[in-house]
Amino acid sequence: SVIASLCDFLIFFFMLIVINLIFLVVHHKLRSTTLHVLWSSYLASSWSGNCVL
């Protein structure tokens, strides 16, 4: 149903924000550019994949 998919989307979106915040803290401590690039590209690909679907 529409409500269920909307719930899934909100949960996914919330998880993205939480994971991003955690990663920002970790990234601030590690200062690893490679990890950041990999993470950004992963997020971008998964996000665009969801938009296509």
PDB file of N, CA and C in Angstrom:
ATOM      1  N   SER A   1       0.835  -1.199   0.000  1.00  0.00           N
ATOM      2  CA  SER A   1       0.000   0.000   0.000  1.00  0.00           C
ATOM      3  C   SER A   1       0.869   1.249   0.000  1.00  0.00           C
ATOM      4  N   VAL A   2       0.239   2.378  -0.246  1.00  0.00           N
ATOM      5  CA  VAL A   2       0.990   3.638  -0.302  1.00  0.00           C
ATOM      6  C   VAL A   2       1.556   3.999   1.059  1.00  0.00           C
ATOM      7  N   ILE A   3       0.752   3.781   2.100  1.00  0.00           N
ATOM      8  CA  ILE A   3       1.190   4.145   3.455  1.00  0.00           C
ATOM      9  C   ILE A   3       2.397   3.307   3.868  1.00  0.00           C
ATOM     10  N   ALA A   4       2.367   2.023   3.541  1.00  0.00           N
ATOM     11  CA  ALA A   4       3.475   1.142   3.917  1.00  0.00           C
ATOM     12  C   ALA A   4       4.767   1.569   3.215  1.00  0.00           C
ATOM     13  N   SER A   5       4.674   1.874   1.921  1.00  0.00           N
ATOM     14  CA  SER A   5       5.873   2.278   1.183  1.00  0.00           C
ATOM     15  C   SER A   5       6.382   3.620   1.688  1.00  0.00           C
ATOM     16  N   LEU A   6       5.461   4.489   2.074  1.00  0.00           N
ATOM     17  CA  LEU A   6       5.854   5.785   2.625  1.00  0.00           C
ATOM     18  C   LEU A   6       6.585   5.588   3.944  1.00  0.00           C
ATOM     19  N   CYS A   7       6.090   4.662   4.756  1.00  0.00           N
ATOM     20  CA  CYS A   7       6.745   4.335   6.025  1.00  0.00           C
ATOM     21  C   CYS A   7       8.154   3.808   5.768  1.00  0.00           C
ATOM     22  N   ASP A   8       8.272   2.902   4.806  1.00  0.00           N
ATOM     23  CA  ASP A   8       9.587   2.349   4.459  1.00  0.00           C
ATOM     24  C   ASP A   8      10.530   3.458   4.030  1.00  0.00           C
ATOM     25  N   PHE A   9      10.023   4.385   3.237  1.00  0.00           N
ATOM     26  CA  PHE A   9      10.849   5.485   2.748  1.00  0.00           C
ATOM     27  C   PHE A   9      11.306   6.370   3.904  1.00  0.00           C
ATOM     28  N   LEU A  10      10.387   6.678   4.821  1.00  0.00           N
ATOM     29  CA  LEU A  10      10.735   7.522   5.961  1.00  0.00           C
ATOM     30  C   LEU A  10      11.771   6.851   6.838  1.00  0.00           C
ATOM     31  N   ILE A  11      11.604   5.545   7.074  1.00  0.00           N
ATOM     32  CA  ILE A  11      12.573   4.798   7.873  1.00  0.00           C
ATOM     33  C   ILE A  11      13.930   4.801   7.186  1.00  0.00           C
ATOM     34  N   PHE A  12      13.926   4.558   5.870  1.00  0.00           N
ATOM     35  CA  PHE A  12      15.168   4.558   5.099  1.00  0.00           C
ATOM     36  C   PHE A  12      15.843   5.923   5.164  1.00  0.00           C
ATOM     37  N   PHE A  13      15.033   6.976   5.000  1.00  0.00           N
ATOM     38  CA  PHE A  13      15.556   8.338   5.022  1.00  0.00           C
ATOM     39  C   PHE A  13      16.151   8.665   6.390  1.00  0.00           C
ATOM     40  N   PHE A  14      15.440   8.257   7.456  1.00  0.00           N
ATOM     41  CA  PHE A  14      15.914   8.494   8.816  1.00  0.00           C
ATOM     42  C   PHE A  14      17.225   7.764   9.067  1.00  0.00           C
ATOM     43  N   MET A  15      17.291   6.510   8.605  1.00  0.00           N
ATOM     44  CA  MET A  15      18.512   5.726   8.765  1.00  0.00           C
ATOM     45  C   MET A  15      19.674   6.385   8.026  1.00  0.00           C
ATOM     46  N   LEU A  16      19.390   6.908   6.825  1.00  0.00           N
ATOM     47  CA  LEU A  16      20.430   7.594   6.057  1.00  0.00           C
ATOM     48  C   LEU A  16      20.991   8.763   6.856  1.00  0.00           C
ATOM     49  N   ILE A  17      20.110   9.553   7.453  1.00  0.00           N
ATOM     50  CA  ILE A  17      20.547  10.714   8.220  1.00  0.00           C
ATOM     51  C   ILE A  17      21.381  10.283   9.419  1.00  0.00           C
ATOM     52  N   VAL A  18      20.887   9.261  10.143  1.00  0.00           N
ATOM     53  CA  VAL A  18      21.604   8.775  11.326  1.00  0.00           C
ATOM     54  C   VAL A  18      22.985   8.247  10.943  1.00  0.00           C
ATOM     55  N   ILE A  19      23.020   7.418   9.894  1.00  0.00           N
ATOM     56  CA  ILE A  19      24.296   6.840   9.448  1.00  0.00           C
ATOM     57  C   ILE A  19      25.241   7.950   8.991  1.00  0.00           C
ATOM     58  N   ASN A  20      24.689   8.931   8.297  1.00  0.00           N
ATOM     59  CA  ASN A  20      25.502  10.051   7.832  1.00  0.00           C
ATOM     60  C   ASN A  20      26.093  10.823   9.001  1.00  0.00           C
ATOM     61  N   LEU A  21      25.277  11.063  10.025  1.00  0.00           N
ATOM     62  CA  LEU A  21      25.766  11.785  11.199  1.00  0.00           C
ATOM     63  C   LEU A  21      26.880  11.014  11.886  1.00  0.00           C
ATOM     64  N   ILE A  22      26.658   9.702  12.055  1.00  0.00           N
ATOM     65  CA  ILE A  22      27.675   8.853  12.676  1.00  0.00           C
ATOM     66  C   ILE A  22      28.955   8.887  11.846  1.00  0.00           C
ATOM     67  N   PHE A  23      28.776   8.785  10.528  1.00  0.00           N
ATOM     68  CA  PHE A  23      29.948   8.762   9.656  1.00  0.00           C
ATOM     69  C   PHE A  23      30.690  10.096   9.701  1.00  0.00           C
ATOM     70  N   LEU A  24      29.933  11.187   9.781  1.00  0.00           N
ATOM     71  CA  LEU A  24      30.575  12.508   9.859  1.00  0.00           C
ATOM     72  C   LEU A  24      31.459  12.595  11.102  1.00  0.00           C
ATOM     73  N   VAL A  25      30.964  12.073  12.218  1.00  0.00           N
ATOM     74  CA  VAL A  25      31.754  12.090  13.456  1.00  0.00           C
ATOM     75  C   VAL A  25      33.005  11.231  13.292  1.00  0.00           C
ATOM     76  N   VAL A  26      32.811  10.019  12.755  1.00  0.00           N
ATOM     77  CA  VAL A  26      33.948   9.118  12.547  1.00  0.00           C
ATOM     78  C   VAL A  26      34.930   9.726  11.557  1.00  0.00           C
ATOM     79  N   HIS A  27      34.387  10.292  10.476  1.00  0.00           N
ATOM     80  CA  HIS A  27      35.221  10.880   9.446  1.00  0.00           C
ATOM     81  C   HIS A  27      36.018  12.055  10.007  1.00  0.00           C
ATOM     82  N   HIS A  28      35.405  12.809  10.898  1.00  0.00           N
ATOM     83  CA  HIS A  28      36.083  13.952  11.509  1.00  0.00           C
ATOM     84  C   HIS A  28      37.283  13.478  12.325  1.00  0.00           C
ATOM     85  N   LYS A  29      37.144  12.304  12.919  1.00  0.00           N
ATOM     86  CA  LYS A  29      38.240  11.770  13.724  1.00  0.00           C
ATOM     87  C   LYS A  29      39.300  11.108  12.848  1.00  0.00           C
ATOM     88  N   LEU A  30      38.846  10.393  11.803  1.00  0.00           N
ATOM     89  CA  LEU A  30      39.792   9.675  10.955  1.00  0.00           C
ATOM     90  C   LEU A  30      40.413  10.574   9.895  1.00  0.00           C
ATOM     91  N   ARG A  31      39.589  11.501   9.380  1.00  0.00           N
ATOM     92  CA  ARG A  31      40.010  12.361   8.275  1.00  0.00           C
ATOM     93  C   ARG A  31      40.490  11.519   7.090  1.00  0.00           C
ATOM     94  N   SER A  32      39.688  10.520   6.754  1.00  0.00           N
ATOM     95  CA  SER A  32      40.032   9.644   5.641  1.00  0.00           C
ATOM     96  C   SER A  32      39.234  10.038   4.392  1.00  0.00           C
ATOM     97  N   THR A  33      39.929  10.627   3.431  1.00  0.00           N
ATOM     98  CA  THR A  33      39.261  11.116   2.226  1.00  0.00           C
ATOM     99  C   THR A  33      38.731   9.958   1.385  1.00  0.00           C
ATOM    100  N   THR A  34      39.495   8.874   1.295  1.00  0.00           N
ATOM    101  CA  THR A  34      39.097   7.738   0.471  1.00  0.00           C
ATOM    102  C   THR A  34      37.778   7.152   0.952  1.00  0.00           C
ATOM    103  N   LEU A  35      37.673   6.948   2.271  1.00  0.00           N
ATOM    104  CA  LEU A  35      36.439   6.416   2.839  1.00  0.00           C
ATOM    105  C   LEU A  35      35.270   7.336   2.545  1.00  0.00           C
ATOM    106  N   HIS A  36      35.491   8.626   2.651  1.00  0.00           N
ATOM    107  CA  HIS A  36      34.433   9.589   2.429  1.00  0.00           C
ATOM    108  C   HIS A  36      33.931   9.538   0.992  1.00  0.00           C
ATOM    109  N   VAL A  37      34.868   9.436   0.044  1.00  0.00           N
ATOM    110  CA  VAL A  37      34.503   9.363  -1.370  1.00  0.00           C
ATOM    111  C   VAL A  37      33.710   8.096  -1.643  1.00  0.00           C
ATOM    112  N   LEU A  38      34.202   6.954  -1.086  1.00  0.00           N
ATOM    113  CA  LEU A  38      33.504   5.684  -1.270  1.00  0.00           C
ATOM    114  C   LEU A  38      32.095   5.750  -0.690  1.00  0.00           C
ATOM    115  N   TRP A  39      31.988   6.312   0.507  1.00  0.00           N
ATOM    116  CA  TRP A  39      30.694   6.415   1.183  1.00  0.00           C
ATOM    117  C   TRP A  39      29.739   7.298   0.386  1.00  0.00           C
ATOM    118  N   SER A  40      30.237   8.438  -0.108  1.00  0.00           N
ATOM    119  CA  SER A  40      29.400   9.362  -0.868  1.00  0.00           C
ATOM    120  C   SER A  40      28.893   8.709  -2.150  1.00  0.00           C
ATOM    121  N   SER A  41      29.783   8.004  -2.840  1.00  0.00           N
ATOM    122  CA  SER A  41      29.392   7.355  -4.092  1.00  0.00           C
ATOM    123  C   SER A  41      28.395   6.231  -3.819  1.00  0.00           C
ATOM    124  N   TYR A  42      28.583   5.524  -2.704  1.00  0.00           N
ATOM    125  CA  TYR A  42      27.645   4.466  -2.332  1.00  0.00           C
ATOM    126  C   TYR A  42      26.262   5.052  -2.053  1.00  0.00           C
ATOM    127  N   LEU A  43      26.219   6.140  -1.288  1.00  0.00           N
ATOM    128  CA  LEU A  43      24.945   6.792  -0.981  1.00  0.00           C
ATOM    129  C   LEU A  43      24.276   7.299  -2.250  1.00  0.00           C
ATOM    130  N   ALA A  44      25.065   7.906  -3.118  1.00  0.00           N
ATOM    131  CA  ALA A  44      24.514   8.464  -4.350  1.00  0.00           C
ATOM    132  C   ALA A  44      23.921   7.366  -5.225  1.00  0.00           C
ATOM    133  N   SER A  45      24.628   6.235  -5.337  1.00  0.00           N
ATOM    134  CA  SER A  45      24.161   5.148  -6.193  1.00  0.00           C
ATOM    135  C   SER A  45      22.904   4.503  -5.620  1.00  0.00           C
ATOM    136  N   SER A  46      22.871   4.308  -4.291  1.00  0.00           N
ATOM    137  CA  SER A  46      21.705   3.681  -3.674  1.00  0.00           C
ATOM    138  C   SER A  46      20.508   4.627  -3.740  1.00  0.00           C
ATOM    139  N   TRP A  47      20.763   5.917  -3.589  1.00  0.00           N
ATOM    140  CA  TRP A  47      19.682   6.899  -3.611  1.00  0.00           C
ATOM    141  C   TRP A  47      19.087   6.995  -5.010  1.00  0.00           C
ATOM    142  N   SER A  48      19.951   7.083  -6.036  1.00  0.00           N
ATOM    143  CA  SER A  48      19.462   7.182  -7.416  1.00  0.00           C
ATOM    144  C   SER A  48      18.756   5.887  -7.814  1.00  0.00           C
ATOM    145  N   GLY A  49      19.235   4.756  -7.276  1.00  0.00           N
ATOM    146  CA  GLY A  49      18.585   3.483  -7.554  1.00  0.00           C
ATOM    147  C   GLY A  49      17.170   3.467  -7.014  1.00  0.00           C
ATOM    148  N   ASN A  50      16.970   4.038  -5.830  1.00  0.00           N
ATOM    149  CA  ASN A  50      15.642   4.111  -5.238  1.00  0.00           C
ATOM    150  C   ASN A  50      14.745   5.047  -6.033  1.00  0.00           C
ATOM    151  N   CYS A  51      15.310   6.130  -6.543  1.00  0.00           N
ATOM    152  CA  CYS A  51      14.519   7.076  -7.324  1.00  0.00           C
ATOM    153  C   CYS A  51      14.047   6.420  -8.614  1.00  0.00           C
ATOM    154  N   VAL A  52      14.907   5.627  -9.221  1.00  0.00           N
ATOM    155  CA  VAL A  52      14.541   4.944 -10.462  1.00  0.00           C
ATOM    156  C   VAL A  52      13.413   3.958 -10.197  1.00  0.00           C
ATOM    157  N   LEU A  53      13.541   3.209  -9.085  1.00  0.00           N
ATOM    158  CA  LEU A  53      12.512   2.251  -8.728  1.00  0.00           C
ATOM    159  C   LEU A  53      11.251   2.997  -8.283  1.00  0.00           C
TER     160      LEU A  53
END
